[in-house]
Amino acid sequence: MRKPKQAMSFKKLQEHWYKKAAKAGFEDIEQNDEEQRLKKWHSTYLQQRYTPEAYAAAERYYHLASDYLHNGTFDSTKDKRIWELHTEGLTFRKIATLEKTSDWTVCKIIAKYREKFL
């Protein structure tokens, strides 16, 4: 009967596969640190989409939306609940699922109240 091999430690196993991948020509784009930062960008898409200005604009929008939730007027309790979930950052689909309605209904309700404060 054959004796089973002893399990490799995670670090040894990781080193083994990194060497194997490097030999095959694989170039890792992540650094081997705990934060797993990228070494280089292959496109500028994320850099352009997620700018500090975009984050500031989203923060301002949700701040205004939250203010409207507490100080604005709503046509129904359902509309207010949908707006509340929207101010928490939920997607239209998730809100529709929670409120047992269609994505389109959620979209129309949010658009209606968005016009009131933008």
N, C-alpha and C. Protein backbone atom coordinates (compact mmCIF):
# COMPACT_ATOMS: atom_id res chain seq x y z
N MET A 1 0.84 -1.18 0.00
CA MET A 1 0.00 0.00 0.00
C MET A 1 0.88 1.24 0.00
N ARG A 2 0.48 2.21 -0.78
CA ARG A 2 1.23 3.44 -0.94
C ARG A 2 0.90 4.43 0.17
N LYS A 3 1.91 5.10 0.67
CA LYS A 3 1.72 6.09 1.73
C LYS A 3 1.29 7.42 1.12
N PRO A 4 0.21 8.07 1.64
CA PRO A 4 -0.23 9.37 1.07
C PRO A 4 0.79 10.46 1.33
N LYS A 5 0.90 11.37 0.34
CA LYS A 5 1.81 12.51 0.49
C LYS A 5 1.28 13.45 1.56
N GLN A 6 2.22 14.08 2.24
CA GLN A 6 1.83 15.05 3.26
C GLN A 6 1.34 16.31 2.57
N ALA A 7 0.30 16.93 3.09
CA ALA A 7 -0.28 18.14 2.50
C ALA A 7 0.73 19.28 2.55
N MET A 8 0.80 20.02 1.44
CA MET A 8 1.68 21.19 1.39
C MET A 8 1.04 22.35 2.14
N SER A 9 1.87 23.20 2.69
CA SER A 9 1.34 24.41 3.30
C SER A 9 0.81 25.30 2.18
N PHE A 10 -0.06 26.21 2.55
CA PHE A 10 -0.65 27.10 1.53
C PHE A 10 0.42 27.89 0.79
N LYS A 11 1.38 28.44 1.53
CA LYS A 11 2.42 29.27 0.90
C LYS A 11 3.24 28.45 -0.10
N LYS A 12 3.59 27.21 0.27
CA LYS A 12 4.37 26.38 -0.65
C LYS A 12 3.55 26.03 -1.89
N LEU A 13 2.29 25.73 -1.67
CA LEU A 13 1.40 25.41 -2.79
C LEU A 13 1.24 26.62 -3.71
N GLN A 14 1.08 27.80 -3.12
CA GLN A 14 0.95 29.03 -3.89
C GLN A 14 2.22 29.29 -4.70
N GLU A 15 3.37 29.16 -4.07
CA GLU A 15 4.64 29.36 -4.77
C GLU A 15 4.78 28.37 -5.93
N HIS A 16 4.40 27.13 -5.69
CA HIS A 16 4.46 26.10 -6.73
C HIS A 16 3.65 26.51 -7.96
N TRP A 17 2.42 26.95 -7.73
CA TRP A 17 1.55 27.31 -8.86
C TRP A 17 1.95 28.63 -9.51
N TYR A 18 2.48 29.55 -8.72
CA TYR A 18 2.98 30.79 -9.32
C TYR A 18 4.16 30.50 -10.26
N LYS A 19 5.07 29.61 -9.85
CA LYS A 19 6.21 29.25 -10.69
C LYS A 19 5.73 28.56 -11.97
N LYS A 20 4.77 27.66 -11.81
CA LYS A 20 4.21 26.94 -12.95
C LYS A 20 3.55 27.92 -13.94
N ALA A 21 2.80 28.88 -13.41
CA ALA A 21 2.12 29.87 -14.26
C ALA A 21 3.14 30.77 -14.96
N ALA A 22 4.18 31.19 -14.23
CA ALA A 22 5.21 32.04 -14.82
C ALA A 22 5.94 31.31 -15.94
N LYS A 23 6.20 30.03 -15.73
CA LYS A 23 6.88 29.21 -16.75
C LYS A 23 6.03 29.12 -18.02
N ALA A 24 4.71 29.12 -17.83
CA ALA A 24 3.80 29.03 -18.98
C ALA A 24 3.59 30.39 -19.65
N GLY A 25 4.19 31.45 -19.09
CA GLY A 25 4.09 32.77 -19.70
C GLY A 25 3.02 33.66 -19.10
N PHE A 26 2.40 33.23 -18.04
CA PHE A 26 1.36 34.03 -17.38
C PHE A 26 1.99 35.19 -16.64
N GLU A 27 1.42 36.37 -16.86
CA GLU A 27 1.91 37.56 -16.16
C GLU A 27 0.80 38.08 -15.26
N ASP A 28 0.99 37.99 -13.96
CA ASP A 28 -0.03 38.39 -12.99
C ASP A 28 -0.12 39.91 -12.95
N ILE A 29 -1.35 40.45 -12.99
CA ILE A 29 -1.50 41.90 -12.93
C ILE A 29 -1.70 42.40 -11.50
N GLU A 30 -1.83 41.45 -10.54
CA GLU A 30 -1.99 41.85 -9.14
C GLU A 30 -0.69 41.70 -8.40
N GLN A 31 -0.46 42.58 -7.44
CA GLN A 31 0.70 42.46 -6.58
C GLN A 31 0.42 41.39 -5.54
N ASN A 32 1.44 40.80 -5.02
CA ASN A 32 1.26 39.79 -3.98
C ASN A 32 1.33 40.41 -2.60
N ASP A 33 0.43 41.32 -2.34
CA ASP A 33 0.34 41.89 -1.01
C ASP A 33 -1.08 41.67 -0.51
N GLU A 34 -1.33 42.01 0.70
CA GLU A 34 -2.65 41.75 1.28
C GLU A 34 -3.75 42.57 0.63
N GLU A 35 -3.42 43.72 0.08
CA GLU A 35 -4.44 44.57 -0.52
C GLU A 35 -4.71 44.19 -1.98
N GLN A 36 -3.88 43.36 -2.56
CA GLN A 36 -4.03 42.87 -3.93
C GLN A 36 -4.24 44.01 -4.93
N ARG A 37 -3.40 45.02 -4.87
CA ARG A 37 -3.49 46.13 -5.82
C ARG A 37 -3.04 45.67 -7.20
N LEU A 38 -3.53 46.37 -8.20
CA LEU A 38 -3.12 46.07 -9.56
C LEU A 38 -1.75 46.68 -9.82
N LYS A 39 -0.91 45.96 -10.56
CA LYS A 39 0.41 46.48 -10.93
C LYS A 39 0.28 47.50 -12.05
N LYS A 40 -0.63 47.23 -12.98
CA LYS A 40 -0.83 48.14 -14.10
C LYS A 40 -2.26 48.01 -14.58
N TRP A 41 -2.72 49.05 -15.25
CA TRP A 41 -4.07 49.06 -15.82
C TRP A 41 -4.00 48.63 -17.26
N HIS A 42 -4.92 47.77 -17.68
CA HIS A 42 -4.93 47.38 -19.08
C HIS A 42 -5.84 48.29 -19.90
N SER A 43 -6.63 49.11 -19.21
CA SER A 43 -7.44 50.09 -19.92
C SER A 43 -7.71 51.25 -18.96
N THR A 44 -8.23 52.32 -19.51
CA THR A 44 -8.53 53.47 -18.66
C THR A 44 -10.01 53.52 -18.28
N TYR A 45 -10.76 52.49 -18.64
CA TYR A 45 -12.21 52.47 -18.38
C TYR A 45 -12.52 52.73 -16.91
N LEU A 46 -11.93 51.94 -16.01
CA LEU A 46 -12.23 52.11 -14.58
C LEU A 46 -11.72 53.44 -14.05
N GLN A 47 -10.58 53.86 -14.54
CA GLN A 47 -10.03 55.14 -14.08
C GLN A 47 -10.95 56.30 -14.47
N GLN A 48 -11.55 56.22 -15.64
CA GLN A 48 -12.44 57.29 -16.09
C GLN A 48 -13.80 57.20 -15.43
N ARG A 49 -14.28 55.99 -15.19
CA ARG A 49 -15.62 55.82 -14.62
C ARG A 49 -15.66 56.11 -13.12
N TYR A 50 -14.66 55.70 -12.41
CA TYR A 50 -14.65 55.84 -10.96
C TYR A 50 -13.67 56.92 -10.51
N THR A 51 -13.99 58.13 -10.89
CA THR A 51 -13.15 59.27 -10.52
C THR A 51 -13.62 59.82 -9.17
N PRO A 52 -12.79 60.60 -8.51
CA PRO A 52 -13.23 61.24 -7.27
C PRO A 52 -14.47 62.11 -7.49
N GLU A 53 -14.55 62.74 -8.66
CA GLU A 53 -15.72 63.58 -8.96
C GLU A 53 -17.00 62.74 -9.06
N ALA A 54 -16.88 61.54 -9.65
CA ALA A 54 -18.04 60.65 -9.77
C ALA A 54 -18.53 60.21 -8.39
N TYR A 55 -17.59 59.88 -7.51
CA TYR A 55 -17.97 59.51 -6.15
C TYR A 55 -18.62 60.67 -5.41
N ALA A 56 -18.07 61.87 -5.58
CA ALA A 56 -18.64 63.05 -4.92
C ALA A 56 -20.05 63.33 -5.43
N ALA A 57 -20.25 63.17 -6.74
CA ALA A 57 -21.58 63.39 -7.32
C ALA A 57 -22.58 62.37 -6.79
N ALA A 58 -22.17 61.10 -6.70
CA ALA A 58 -23.06 60.06 -6.18
C ALA A 58 -23.38 60.32 -4.71
N GLU A 59 -22.38 60.74 -3.96
CA GLU A 59 -22.61 61.05 -2.54
C GLU A 59 -23.60 62.20 -2.39
N ARG A 60 -23.43 63.23 -3.20
CA ARG A 60 -24.34 64.38 -3.16
C ARG A 60 -25.76 63.96 -3.55
N TYR A 61 -25.88 63.14 -4.60
CA TYR A 61 -27.20 62.68 -5.04
C TYR A 61 -27.91 61.93 -3.91
N TYR A 62 -27.23 60.98 -3.29
CA TYR A 62 -27.88 60.18 -2.25
C TYR A 62 -28.16 61.00 -1.00
N HIS A 63 -27.36 62.02 -0.76
CA HIS A 63 -27.64 62.93 0.34
C HIS A 63 -28.95 63.70 0.07
N LEU A 64 -29.08 64.22 -1.15
CA LEU A 64 -30.31 64.93 -1.53
C LEU A 64 -31.52 64.00 -1.53
N ALA A 65 -31.31 62.77 -2.02
CA ALA A 65 -32.40 61.79 -2.05
C ALA A 65 -32.86 61.45 -0.63
N SER A 66 -31.93 61.33 0.28
CA SER A 66 -32.27 61.06 1.69
C SER A 66 -33.02 62.23 2.31
N ASP A 67 -32.58 63.44 2.00
CA ASP A 67 -33.29 64.63 2.48
C ASP A 67 -34.73 64.63 1.98
N TYR A 68 -34.91 64.28 0.70
CA TYR A 68 -36.25 64.26 0.15
C TYR A 68 -37.10 63.18 0.84
N LEU A 69 -36.49 62.07 1.19
CA LEU A 69 -37.22 61.01 1.88
C LEU A 69 -37.82 61.53 3.18
N HIS A 70 -37.06 62.35 3.89
CA HIS A 70 -37.51 62.84 5.20
C HIS A 70 -38.35 64.12 5.13
N ASN A 71 -38.15 64.91 4.08
CA ASN A 71 -38.84 66.20 4.01
C ASN A 71 -39.81 66.36 2.84
N GLY A 72 -39.77 65.44 1.90
CA GLY A 72 -40.61 65.55 0.71
C GLY A 72 -41.99 64.94 0.93
N THR A 73 -42.81 65.09 -0.09
CA THR A 73 -44.16 64.50 -0.04
C THR A 73 -44.25 63.39 -1.08
N PHE A 74 -44.99 62.35 -0.75
CA PHE A 74 -45.14 61.19 -1.61
C PHE A 74 -46.62 60.93 -1.86
N ASP A 75 -46.93 60.40 -3.03
CA ASP A 75 -48.32 60.13 -3.40
C ASP A 75 -48.90 58.94 -2.63
N SER A 76 -48.02 58.01 -2.22
CA SER A 76 -48.51 56.83 -1.50
C SER A 76 -47.41 56.28 -0.60
N THR A 77 -47.80 55.40 0.29
CA THR A 77 -46.85 54.73 1.17
C THR A 77 -45.91 53.85 0.34
N LYS A 78 -46.46 53.23 -0.70
CA LYS A 78 -45.65 52.39 -1.58
C LYS A 78 -44.55 53.21 -2.26
N ASP A 79 -44.92 54.39 -2.76
CA ASP A 79 -43.92 55.27 -3.39
C ASP A 79 -42.82 55.64 -2.41
N LYS A 80 -43.21 55.95 -1.19
CA LYS A 80 -42.22 56.34 -0.18
C LYS A 80 -41.30 55.17 0.15
N ARG A 81 -41.86 53.98 0.25
CA ARG A 81 -41.06 52.78 0.55
C ARG A 81 -40.07 52.50 -0.58
N ILE A 82 -40.53 52.63 -1.83
CA ILE A 82 -39.64 52.43 -2.97
C ILE A 82 -38.53 53.47 -2.96
N TRP A 83 -38.88 54.71 -2.67
CA TRP A 83 -37.87 55.78 -2.61
C TRP A 83 -36.88 55.51 -1.47
N GLU A 84 -37.37 55.03 -0.36
CA GLU A 84 -36.51 54.72 0.78
C GLU A 84 -35.48 53.64 0.40
N LEU A 85 -35.94 52.59 -0.25
CA LEU A 85 -35.02 51.53 -0.68
C LEU A 85 -34.02 52.06 -1.70
N HIS A 86 -34.48 52.96 -2.56
CA HIS A 86 -33.57 53.59 -3.54
C HIS A 86 -32.49 54.40 -2.83
N THR A 87 -32.85 55.15 -1.80
CA THR A 87 -31.86 55.96 -1.08
C THR A 87 -30.85 55.09 -0.34
N GLU A 88 -31.19 53.82 -0.11
CA GLU A 88 -30.25 52.89 0.52
C GLU A 88 -29.32 52.24 -0.51
N GLY A 89 -29.54 52.57 -1.79
CA GLY A 89 -28.64 52.11 -2.84
C GLY A 89 -29.03 50.79 -3.48
N LEU A 90 -30.24 50.30 -3.23
CA LEU A 90 -30.67 49.04 -3.84
C LEU A 90 -30.95 49.24 -5.33
N THR A 91 -30.76 48.21 -6.09
CA THR A 91 -31.03 48.27 -7.53
C THR A 91 -32.53 48.24 -7.77
N PHE A 92 -32.94 48.68 -8.96
CA PHE A 92 -34.36 48.66 -9.32
C PHE A 92 -34.91 47.23 -9.21
N ARG A 93 -34.15 46.27 -9.68
CA ARG A 93 -34.60 44.88 -9.67
C ARG A 93 -34.81 44.38 -8.24
N LYS A 94 -33.87 44.70 -7.35
CA LYS A 94 -33.98 44.27 -5.96
C LYS A 94 -35.19 44.93 -5.29
N ILE A 95 -35.39 46.22 -5.56
CA ILE A 95 -36.54 46.93 -5.00
C ILE A 95 -37.83 46.29 -5.52
N ALA A 96 -37.88 46.00 -6.82
CA ALA A 96 -39.07 45.39 -7.41
C ALA A 96 -39.37 44.04 -6.76
N THR A 97 -38.35 43.27 -6.50
CA THR A 97 -38.53 41.97 -5.85
C THR A 97 -39.08 42.15 -4.44
N LEU A 98 -38.48 43.05 -3.69
CA LEU A 98 -38.92 43.28 -2.31
C LEU A 98 -40.35 43.82 -2.23
N GLU A 99 -40.69 44.68 -3.17
CA GLU A 99 -42.01 45.32 -3.16
C GLU A 99 -43.05 44.58 -4.01
N LYS A 100 -42.62 43.46 -4.59
CA LYS A 100 -43.52 42.63 -5.42
C LYS A 100 -44.20 43.45 -6.52
N THR A 101 -43.35 44.13 -7.27
CA THR A 101 -43.82 44.93 -8.41
C THR A 101 -42.82 44.77 -9.55
N SER A 102 -43.03 45.47 -10.65
CA SER A 102 -42.13 45.33 -11.79
C SER A 102 -40.98 46.34 -11.72
N ASP A 103 -39.90 46.00 -12.41
CA ASP A 103 -38.76 46.93 -12.51
C ASP A 103 -39.21 48.25 -13.11
N TRP A 104 -40.09 48.17 -14.11
CA TRP A 104 -40.56 49.36 -14.81
C TRP A 104 -41.32 50.28 -13.86
N THR A 105 -42.14 49.72 -12.99
CA THR A 105 -42.89 50.52 -12.01
C THR A 105 -41.92 51.24 -11.08
N VAL A 106 -40.93 50.52 -10.61
CA VAL A 106 -39.91 51.11 -9.73
C VAL A 106 -39.20 52.23 -10.46
N CYS A 107 -38.81 52.00 -11.69
CA CYS A 107 -38.11 53.01 -12.49
C CYS A 107 -38.95 54.28 -12.64
N LYS A 108 -40.25 54.12 -12.94
CA LYS A 108 -41.14 55.28 -13.12
C LYS A 108 -41.29 56.06 -11.81
N ILE A 109 -41.46 55.34 -10.70
CA ILE A 109 -41.64 56.02 -9.41
C ILE A 109 -40.39 56.79 -9.02
N ILE A 110 -39.24 56.19 -9.18
CA ILE A 110 -37.99 56.87 -8.84
C ILE A 110 -37.76 58.08 -9.74
N ALA A 111 -38.04 57.93 -11.03
CA ALA A 111 -37.88 59.05 -11.96
C ALA A 111 -38.80 60.21 -11.58
N LYS A 112 -40.02 59.89 -11.16
CA LYS A 112 -40.98 60.93 -10.78
C LYS A 112 -40.46 61.77 -9.61
N TYR A 113 -39.93 61.13 -8.60
CA TYR A 113 -39.45 61.88 -7.43
C TYR A 113 -38.07 62.48 -7.64
N ARG A 114 -37.28 61.87 -8.49
CA ARG A 114 -35.96 62.42 -8.81
C ARG A 114 -36.10 63.79 -9.46
N GLU A 115 -37.10 63.95 -10.31
CA GLU A 115 -37.34 65.23 -10.96
C GLU A 115 -37.65 66.34 -9.96
N LYS A 116 -38.24 66.00 -8.84
CA LYS A 116 -38.66 67.00 -7.87
C LYS A 116 -37.51 67.68 -7.13
N PHE A 117 -36.37 67.00 -7.04
CA PHE A 117 -35.26 67.65 -6.31
C PHE A 117 -34.00 67.87 -7.12
N LEU A 118 -33.95 67.37 -8.32
CA LEU A 118 -32.75 67.63 -9.14
C LEU A 118 -32.90 68.85 -10.01
